[in-house]
Protein backbone atom coordinates (compact mmCIF):
# COMPACT_ATOMS: atom_id res chain seq x y z
CA UNK A 1 18.07 25.42 -39.76
CA UNK A 2 16.54 22.99 -37.36
CA UNK A 3 18.24 20.51 -35.16
CA UNK A 4 21.70 21.04 -36.68
CA UNK A 5 20.60 20.23 -40.24
CA UNK A 6 22.52 21.90 -43.14
CA UNK A 7 21.71 21.99 -46.84
CA UNK A 8 24.53 21.40 -49.27
CA UNK A 9 24.07 22.20 -52.96
CA UNK A 10 26.93 19.78 -53.98
CA UNK A 11 28.92 16.93 -52.65
CA UNK A 12 32.03 19.24 -52.73
CA UNK A 13 30.32 21.46 -50.18
CA UNK A 14 29.54 18.55 -47.92
CA UNK A 15 33.17 17.23 -48.19
CA UNK A 16 34.53 20.59 -47.31
CA UNK A 17 32.45 20.65 -44.17
CA UNK A 18 34.05 17.45 -42.71
CA UNK A 19 32.70 14.08 -41.81
CA UNK A 20 29.02 13.93 -42.16
CA UNK A 21 25.97 11.77 -43.00
CA UNK A 22 23.97 12.68 -46.07
CA UNK A 23 20.34 12.19 -46.97
CA UNK A 24 19.83 12.95 -50.69
CA UNK A 25 16.38 13.51 -52.26
CA UNK A 26 13.52 15.89 -53.12
CA UNK A 27 11.22 16.38 -50.32
CA UNK A 28 7.78 18.05 -50.88
CA UNK A 29 7.35 18.30 -47.08
CA UNK A 30 8.51 16.31 -44.15
CA UNK A 31 6.11 13.40 -43.72
CA UNK A 32 6.36 10.51 -41.20
CA UNK A 33 8.63 8.54 -43.47
CA UNK A 34 10.92 11.46 -44.11
CA UNK A 35 11.18 12.10 -40.37
CA UNK A 36 12.26 8.47 -39.78
CA UNK A 37 14.85 8.77 -42.50
CA UNK A 38 16.18 12.10 -41.15
CA UNK A 39 16.20 10.78 -37.55
CA UNK A 40 18.35 7.81 -38.68
CA UNK A 41 20.75 10.11 -40.60
CA UNK A 42 21.21 12.23 -37.49
CA UNK A 43 21.88 9.05 -35.35
CA UNK A 44 24.53 7.86 -37.72
CA UNK A 45 26.10 11.41 -37.91
CA UNK A 46 26.48 11.42 -34.09
């Protein structure tokens, strides 16, 4: 995975991982808007 991203298939998986920030959705590719959302999620997680 890139830049420390992880994919969780359920909220239980994410909860077991520890404190985290989640971005939930279906992405058909990483467009400019998606990159901004993901960048913000990473900022919040740090």
